[in-house]
Structures are given as structure tokens and as C-alpha cells.
Amino acid sequence: MIRQWQNVSPGTDAHDGGSSEPQSLRGSRSVTTRSARRTRRATRTLQAAGAGVAALLALSACSSSDGTSDSSDAAKSPTSSSPKLSGTVTVFAAASLKESFTALGEQFEKAHPGTEVTFSFGGSDSLAASITGGAPADVFAAASPKTMAIVTDKGDAATTPATFVRNQLEIATLPGNPHKVASLKDLTKSGLKVVLCDKTVPCGAAAQKALDASRLKLTPVSYEQDVKGALTKVELKEADAAVVYKTDVKAAGDKVEGVEFPESAGAVNDYPIALLKDAHNAAAAKAFIALVRSAEGQKVLTDAGFLKPAS
């Protein structure tokens, strides 16, 4: 323990109330007192500095802990773990999917800014031939398993095709149905101009299947390369009727009138979709396929008249 001595002026004696000690001793103790004070101040400074360092270390530890927690939480966040999609997705799809896929493409672009979905619609057989011939595409959605097989048999699909919808045939007639078409058999009437899809196209193969099941022979005025081509002939009044899909009749609105026929139940087409082997944007392509198969995508498709996949 440092003792503090009273500092007395030189020459003062005990009678003056000062110390009776010699002046040299008093001077020595004065120096000692000043040294002690300096030592005490230094000690206090060191103690304060030590406390400050301890506080800073504690704060740093807390900050480090918080930062680690935040980083851990961010790593677990779906947003941080899922890469942002960008670029173009090229989809080859059956002509009958035009309206619904166009709507889904717009939804996809809105949900993933920076992406663009481009479509090539047409007859499934022609699209399949283009893909196996090297045409650049990310996704193929066909109107029948048979046309999808053209692609898978060549090893050009990266995933196993999955059926996402089905479609059923319907007769499209002129508005008001002036020729009173009420059945598939009525299409064989003399003088009636009927259009069919080509037999190599899914809608044409399905129509031929229905005709064969009913033992009916029909000679159309033309065979069209896809279902939209067949439907357009009726819309332009170049034909009196065409065998197309229910979805096409619905999409045409009041431009045509639809006539259902029971034989169509035996000629329903499954629609498969697959990621292609040489996809340039596989991540976005997978996301588009996921949208098509999601509840949201299925609603768009069923609202367009497609049937849900068989369970």
C-alpha cells in the first residue's frame, strides 16, 4: 500500500505546525509521494484500458456470433441457395398447346425476370424430326407418346418423358352447324367438305383410330400438317368440318361450333414433356417443366380444355 505524505514547505518547524523531520528527508518523501501518485495514475489507466479491451473483445465475440448466425441463416434460405434463372428457354410444343403454353410462358417470365421463353409450335412429328436433326431446343412437349419416342429413341432426351395432360377429339363445324353434323358418321355424307390432320400427326392418327373403330371410311378434301391448320380451314370457311381437339374448338370461340362424338373416348392422346439432352439452358428449362406440371400450370391447361393425366 502506498502511503501519501503531507507536503511541507522548506524551513518550517514543528512550532509552525509543520514536521520536525530534517529537510532532506521531507524532500525525499515529497518525491516519493509524487512518484506514488504517478504510479497510481498509471495503474488506473492500465486498469481502464484493460476493461476497455475486455469490452471490445466481448462485443467482437457477439458480433462474430451474430454474423455466423446470419450467414448460417442465409445459407439455409431458399433464395440464397437457389440460383437466379436467366436467359432464353426454347420450347418445341405441339400446335394444340399454343394458347395455354403462351400463357404459361408469360407467367414464367414474370416470375423469373431476366428470362425469355420462345416457342416453336407445330405438328409433333415435324418438331421431333427437327430435334433429332439438331435443331436447338431445351424442352419438347409432344401430343402423343409415339412422336415423343422419335426423340427418345435417338437418345435426344435428358429426362424420362412425363405425361402432363391428355386431349380428346371433337368435330369443328361452321358457326351454327348449317350442315347439321351430329356424329362422326355424318362426316361421310356426300358433298360435305371435311378436313383431317395428316395421319402422321397425333390428331390425325387419333381421328383415324376413331374412324377405324367405327368402321367408317372418310376421304377428306385435304390433310393438314397440324391441328391448327385443320381448324383454320373451317374458320376461313374453306371446309365444312374438321376433326380437331376439344382445346382447339374452345380456343376458336365463336368462329366454329363443336360437336362431340362418343368414339373420341377411345382415341384420347397423352401429352408427354421432356428436357432435351442438348439443352442450352437446362436450369430454366427444368423450371419451366416444373411450372407446366405444377398445380398452377395444370389449372391453365384444364381451363383450356385439356384433361388431367390418368392416375
Protein backbone atom coordinates (compact mmCIF):
# COMPACT_ATOMS: atom_id res chain seq x y z
CA MET A 1 0.00 0.00 0.00
CA ILE A 2 1.33 3.41 -0.97
CA ARG A 3 1.17 5.97 1.81
CA GLN A 4 0.75 9.62 0.94
CA TRP A 5 2.82 12.12 2.92
CA GLN A 6 1.85 15.78 3.62
CA ASN A 7 3.98 18.06 1.50
CA VAL A 8 5.62 20.84 3.86
CA SER A 9 7.41 23.94 2.64
CA PRO A 10 11.23 24.15 3.41
CA GLY A 11 12.23 25.94 6.68
CA THR A 12 9.02 25.25 8.51
CA ASP A 13 9.48 23.71 12.00
CA ALA A 14 7.26 21.98 14.42
CA HIS A 15 6.31 25.16 16.15
CA ASP A 16 4.84 26.39 12.92
CA GLY A 17 2.65 23.26 12.75
CA GLY A 18 4.98 21.51 10.26
CA SER A 19 7.13 18.43 10.61
CA SER A 20 10.19 18.18 12.90
CA GLU A 21 11.93 15.91 10.35
CA PRO A 22 15.05 17.13 8.54
CA GLN A 23 14.50 19.00 5.29
CA SER A 24 16.34 16.33 3.23
CA LEU A 25 14.01 13.60 4.48
CA ARG A 26 10.98 15.69 3.82
CA GLY A 27 12.19 16.37 0.25
CA SER A 28 12.77 12.67 -0.28
CA ARG A 29 9.25 11.85 0.86
CA SER A 30 7.83 14.56 -1.42
CA VAL A 31 9.49 12.91 -4.40
CA THR A 32 8.24 9.54 -3.19
CA THR A 33 4.68 10.85 -2.96
CA ARG A 34 4.77 12.31 -6.46
CA SER A 35 6.12 9.00 -7.77
CA ALA A 36 3.40 7.11 -5.97
CA ARG A 37 0.75 9.34 -7.47
CA ARG A 38 2.15 8.81 -10.92
CA THR A 39 2.24 5.07 -10.32
CA ARG A 40 -1.36 5.10 -9.13
CA ARG A 41 -2.49 7.08 -12.11
CA ALA A 42 -0.67 4.70 -14.47
CA THR A 43 -2.23 1.74 -12.72
CA ARG A 44 -5.70 3.23 -13.05
CA THR A 45 -5.06 3.96 -16.72
CA LEU A 46 -3.94 0.39 -17.33
CA GLN A 47 -6.99 -0.91 -15.48
CA ALA A 48 -9.30 1.28 -17.55
CA ALA A 49 -7.56 0.23 -20.74
CA GLY A 50 -7.86 -3.39 -19.74
CA ALA A 51 -11.55 -3.01 -19.09
CA GLY A 52 -11.99 -1.31 -22.47
CA VAL A 53 -10.16 -4.09 -24.29
CA ALA A 54 -12.27 -6.70 -22.49
CA ALA A 55 -15.44 -4.88 -23.52
CA LEU A 56 -14.27 -4.65 -27.12
CA LEU A 57 -13.41 -8.35 -27.17
CA ALA A 58 -16.82 -9.23 -25.78
CA LEU A 59 -18.54 -7.01 -28.36
CA SER A 60 -16.44 -8.52 -31.11
CA ALA A 61 -17.37 -12.02 -29.97
CA CYS A 62 -21.05 -11.15 -30.00
CA SER A 63 -20.77 -9.57 -33.44
CA SER A 64 -18.90 -12.60 -34.72
CA SER A 65 -21.53 -14.88 -33.26
CA ASP A 66 -24.33 -12.82 -34.81
CA GLY A 67 -22.55 -12.76 -38.16
CA THR A 68 -22.10 -16.51 -38.09
CA SER A 69 -25.77 -16.97 -37.28
CA ASP A 70 -26.80 -14.61 -40.10
CA SER A 71 -24.53 -16.42 -42.54
CA SER A 72 -25.94 -19.74 -41.44
CA ASP A 73 -29.50 -18.48 -41.83
CA ALA A 74 -28.68 -17.07 -45.27
CA ALA A 75 -27.22 -20.38 -46.35
CA LYS A 76 -30.45 -22.07 -45.34
CA SER A 77 -32.58 -19.53 -47.20
CA PRO A 78 -34.14 -20.93 -50.40
CA THR A 79 -33.50 -17.62 -52.14
CA SER A 80 -29.79 -17.70 -51.40
CA SER A 81 -29.40 -21.38 -52.18
CA SER A 82 -31.39 -21.27 -55.45
CA PRO A 83 -29.53 -19.72 -58.38
CA LYS A 84 -31.31 -16.94 -60.21
CA LEU A 85 -32.67 -18.06 -63.57
CA SER A 86 -31.84 -16.07 -66.67
CA GLY A 87 -31.54 -16.42 -70.41
CA THR A 88 -33.75 -17.92 -73.10
CA VAL A 89 -35.72 -21.15 -72.84
CA THR A 90 -36.60 -22.67 -76.22
CA VAL A 91 -39.69 -24.87 -76.18
CA PHE A 92 -40.85 -27.06 -79.05
CA ALA A 93 -44.53 -27.87 -78.47
CA ALA A 94 -47.50 -29.42 -80.25
CA ALA A 95 -49.68 -26.88 -82.05
CA SER A 96 -52.65 -27.61 -79.78
CA LEU A 97 -50.65 -26.25 -76.82
CA LYS A 98 -50.22 -22.79 -78.36
CA GLU A 99 -52.68 -20.80 -76.26
CA SER A 100 -52.02 -22.45 -72.91
CA PHE A 101 -48.23 -22.61 -73.27
CA THR A 102 -48.10 -18.98 -74.38
CA ALA A 103 -49.93 -18.03 -71.19
CA LEU A 104 -47.59 -20.18 -69.09
CA GLY A 105 -44.59 -18.63 -70.81
CA GLU A 106 -45.77 -15.17 -69.78
CA GLN A 107 -46.23 -16.35 -66.19
CA PHE A 108 -42.75 -17.85 -66.19
CA GLU A 109 -41.11 -14.66 -67.43
CA LYS A 110 -42.97 -12.62 -64.83
CA ALA A 111 -41.87 -14.97 -62.03
CA HIS A 112 -38.26 -15.02 -63.29
CA PRO A 113 -37.20 -11.56 -64.52
CA GLY A 114 -34.36 -11.86 -66.98
CA THR A 115 -35.72 -14.97 -68.67
CA GLU A 116 -37.42 -15.29 -72.04
CA VAL A 117 -39.46 -18.24 -73.28
CA THR A 118 -39.55 -18.77 -77.03
CA PHE A 119 -41.85 -21.32 -78.65
CA SER A 120 -41.94 -23.30 -81.84
CA PHE A 121 -45.42 -24.76 -82.32
CA GLY A 122 -46.28 -27.31 -84.98
CA GLY A 123 -47.01 -30.91 -85.76
CA SER A 124 -45.34 -33.14 -83.16
CA ASP A 125 -43.78 -35.36 -85.80
CA SER A 126 -42.18 -32.41 -87.60
CA LEU A 127 -40.90 -30.98 -84.34
CA ALA A 128 -39.44 -34.34 -83.34
CA ALA A 129 -37.66 -34.61 -86.70
CA SER A 130 -36.22 -31.13 -86.22
CA ILE A 131 -34.90 -32.04 -82.77
CA THR A 132 -33.23 -35.25 -83.94
CA GLY A 133 -31.84 -33.25 -86.86
CA GLY A 134 -30.01 -30.93 -84.50
CA ALA A 135 -32.41 -28.00 -84.08
CA PRO A 136 -31.57 -26.13 -80.85
CA ALA A 137 -34.25 -26.64 -78.21
CA ASP A 138 -34.46 -27.08 -74.44
CA VAL A 139 -37.90 -28.66 -73.98
CA PHE A 140 -40.14 -30.86 -76.11
CA ALA A 141 -43.86 -31.23 -75.41
CA ALA A 142 -45.48 -33.70 -77.82
CA ALA A 143 -49.12 -34.54 -78.47
CA SER A 144 -48.51 -38.29 -78.29
CA PRO A 145 -46.08 -40.82 -76.82
CA LYS A 146 -45.39 -42.10 -80.36
CA THR A 147 -43.98 -38.78 -81.54
CA MET A 148 -42.01 -38.33 -78.31
CA ALA A 149 -40.49 -41.75 -78.97
CA ILE A 150 -38.88 -40.36 -82.13
CA VAL A 151 -36.76 -38.19 -79.83
CA THR A 152 -36.14 -40.66 -77.02
CA ASP A 153 -35.21 -43.49 -79.40
CA LYS A 154 -32.41 -41.28 -80.75
CA GLY A 155 -31.20 -40.55 -77.22
CA ASP A 156 -32.01 -36.86 -77.52
CA ALA A 157 -34.00 -36.59 -74.28
CA ALA A 158 -32.19 -35.87 -71.00
CA THR A 159 -35.08 -36.98 -68.78
CA THR A 160 -37.79 -39.61 -68.93
CA PRO A 161 -40.86 -38.06 -70.59
CA ALA A 162 -43.73 -37.35 -68.20
CA THR A 163 -47.38 -37.15 -69.25
CA PHE A 164 -48.74 -33.77 -68.14
CA VAL A 165 -52.17 -33.66 -69.87
CA ARG A 166 -54.45 -35.57 -72.23
CA ASN A 167 -56.60 -34.33 -75.09
CA GLN A 168 -59.77 -35.58 -76.75
CA LEU A 169 -61.11 -35.13 -80.26
CA GLU A 170 -64.12 -33.03 -81.28
CA ILE A 171 -65.68 -32.07 -84.59
CA ALA A 172 -65.41 -28.39 -85.54
CA THR A 173 -68.17 -27.15 -87.86
CA LEU A 174 -69.10 -23.79 -89.29
CA PRO A 175 -70.86 -21.45 -86.82
CA GLY A 176 -74.47 -22.55 -86.37
CA ASN A 177 -73.64 -26.01 -87.78
CA PRO A 178 -75.57 -25.41 -91.06
CA HIS A 179 -74.93 -28.97 -92.31
CA LYS A 180 -76.40 -30.49 -89.15
CA VAL A 181 -73.40 -32.61 -88.31
CA ALA A 182 -74.30 -34.65 -85.22
CA SER A 183 -71.95 -37.63 -85.36
CA LEU A 184 -68.72 -38.96 -86.77
CA LYS A 185 -70.73 -40.88 -89.36
CA ASP A 186 -72.27 -37.61 -90.62
CA LEU A 187 -68.82 -36.57 -91.86
CA THR A 188 -69.10 -39.23 -94.57
CA LYS A 189 -72.07 -37.51 -96.19
CA SER A 190 -71.66 -36.84 -99.89
CA GLY A 191 -70.74 -33.25 -100.74
CA LEU A 192 -69.52 -32.39 -97.23
CA LYS A 193 -66.05 -30.86 -97.28
CA VAL A 194 -64.11 -32.36 -94.38
CA VAL A 195 -60.51 -31.71 -93.34
CA LEU A 196 -58.33 -34.03 -91.26
CA CYS A 197 -54.86 -33.79 -89.79
CA ASP A 198 -52.26 -35.88 -91.58
CA LYS A 199 -52.11 -39.46 -90.30
CA THR A 200 -48.53 -38.94 -89.11
CA VAL A 201 -49.67 -36.14 -86.82
CA PRO A 202 -51.17 -37.14 -83.42
CA CYS A 203 -54.58 -35.56 -84.10
CA GLY A 204 -54.72 -37.32 -87.50
CA ALA A 205 -53.70 -40.66 -86.00
CA ALA A 206 -56.35 -40.30 -83.29
CA ALA A 207 -59.02 -39.40 -85.88
CA GLN A 208 -58.10 -42.42 -87.98
CA LYS A 209 -58.28 -44.63 -84.90
CA ALA A 210 -61.80 -43.40 -84.17
CA LEU A 211 -62.86 -43.94 -87.80
CA ASP A 212 -61.41 -47.44 -87.84
CA ALA A 213 -63.17 -48.32 -84.58
CA SER A 214 -66.46 -47.19 -86.15
CA ARG A 215 -65.65 -48.94 -89.46
CA LEU A 216 -66.08 -45.69 -91.31
CA LYS A 217 -64.24 -44.56 -94.43
CA LEU A 218 -63.72 -40.88 -94.96
CA THR A 219 -62.00 -39.13 -97.83
CA PRO A 220 -61.10 -35.58 -96.71
CA VAL A 221 -60.61 -32.67 -99.08
CA SER A 222 -57.19 -32.16 -97.51
CA TYR A 223 -54.80 -33.44 -94.90
CA GLU A 224 -53.16 -30.74 -92.79
CA GLN A 225 -49.75 -30.85 -91.14
CA ASP A 226 -51.04 -29.80 -87.71
CA VAL A 227 -54.32 -29.34 -85.90
CA LYS A 228 -54.30 -25.54 -86.21
CA GLY A 229 -54.08 -25.91 -89.98
CA ALA A 230 -57.16 -28.12 -89.99
CA LEU A 231 -59.08 -25.76 -87.76
CA THR A 232 -58.15 -22.71 -89.86
CA LYS A 233 -59.76 -24.30 -92.93
CA VAL A 234 -63.10 -24.25 -91.12
CA GLU A 235 -62.57 -20.78 -89.68
CA LEU A 236 -61.94 -19.47 -93.20
CA LYS A 237 -64.98 -21.40 -94.48
CA GLU A 238 -62.75 -23.38 -96.84
CA ALA A 239 -64.12 -26.56 -95.24
CA ASP A 240 -67.44 -27.52 -93.67
CA ALA A 241 -65.96 -29.53 -90.81
CA ALA A 242 -62.71 -30.79 -89.34
CA VAL A 243 -61.74 -33.34 -86.70
CA VAL A 244 -59.62 -31.48 -84.17
CA TYR A 245 -59.14 -31.37 -80.40
CA LYS A 246 -61.60 -30.05 -77.84
CA THR A 247 -58.99 -27.48 -76.82
CA ASP A 248 -58.84 -26.08 -80.36
CA VAL A 249 -62.61 -25.74 -80.58
CA LYS A 250 -62.60 -23.90 -77.26
CA ALA A 251 -59.76 -21.60 -78.31
CA ALA A 252 -61.55 -20.71 -81.56
CA GLY A 253 -64.54 -19.29 -79.68
CA ASP A 254 -67.48 -18.36 -81.91
CA LYS A 255 -65.51 -18.91 -85.12
CA VAL A 256 -66.57 -22.55 -85.08
CA GLU A 257 -69.09 -24.80 -83.38
CA GLY A 258 -68.08 -28.00 -81.60
CA VAL A 259 -69.76 -31.38 -81.93
CA GLU A 260 -68.79 -34.16 -79.52
CA PHE A 261 -68.84 -37.80 -80.60
CA PRO A 262 -68.57 -40.90 -78.37
CA GLU A 263 -65.88 -42.61 -80.44
CA SER A 264 -63.42 -39.93 -79.31
CA ALA A 265 -63.27 -41.54 -75.86
CA GLY A 266 -61.31 -44.41 -77.38
CA ALA A 267 -58.77 -42.14 -79.03
CA VAL A 268 -57.54 -39.86 -76.26
CA ASN A 269 -53.96 -38.68 -76.65
CA ASP A 270 -51.45 -38.44 -73.78
CA TYR A 271 -49.12 -35.44 -73.93
CA PRO A 272 -45.56 -36.10 -72.69
CA ILE A 273 -42.92 -33.45 -71.90
CA ALA A 274 -39.15 -33.84 -71.52
CA LEU A 275 -35.92 -31.93 -71.06
CA LEU A 276 -33.69 -32.33 -74.11
CA LYS A 277 -30.14 -33.64 -73.98
CA ASP A 278 -28.55 -30.65 -75.71
CA ALA A 279 -30.50 -28.01 -73.79
CA HIS A 280 -28.56 -24.74 -73.67
CA ASN A 281 -30.42 -23.53 -70.58
CA ALA A 282 -31.15 -26.68 -68.60
CA ALA A 283 -31.83 -24.92 -65.28
CA ALA A 284 -34.51 -22.63 -66.70
CA ALA A 285 -35.89 -25.46 -68.85
CA LYS A 286 -36.37 -27.66 -65.77
CA ALA A 287 -38.12 -24.76 -64.04
CA PHE A 288 -40.49 -24.32 -66.99
CA ILE A 289 -41.34 -28.03 -67.00
CA ALA A 290 -41.97 -27.80 -63.25
CA LEU A 291 -44.40 -24.93 -63.88
CA VAL A 292 -46.26 -26.93 -66.53
CA ARG A 293 -46.68 -29.84 -64.12
CA SER A 294 -47.49 -27.71 -61.07
CA ALA A 295 -51.00 -27.05 -59.76
CA GLU A 296 -50.84 -23.57 -61.26
CA GLY A 297 -49.83 -24.93 -64.65
CA GLN A 298 -52.44 -27.65 -64.55
CA LYS A 299 -55.15 -25.08 -63.90
CA VAL A 300 -54.18 -23.13 -67.01
CA LEU A 301 -54.23 -26.31 -69.07
CA THR A 302 -57.52 -27.70 -67.75
CA ASP A 303 -59.15 -24.28 -68.19
CA ALA A 304 -58.11 -24.53 -71.85
CA GLY A 305 -59.97 -27.85 -72.13
CA PHE A 306 -57.19 -30.38 -71.55
CA LEU A 307 -57.81 -33.46 -69.43
CA LYS A 308 -55.69 -34.29 -66.42
CA PRO A 309 -53.24 -37.21 -66.76
CA ALA A 310 -54.66 -40.62 -65.95
CA SER A 311 -53.91 -41.55 -62.35
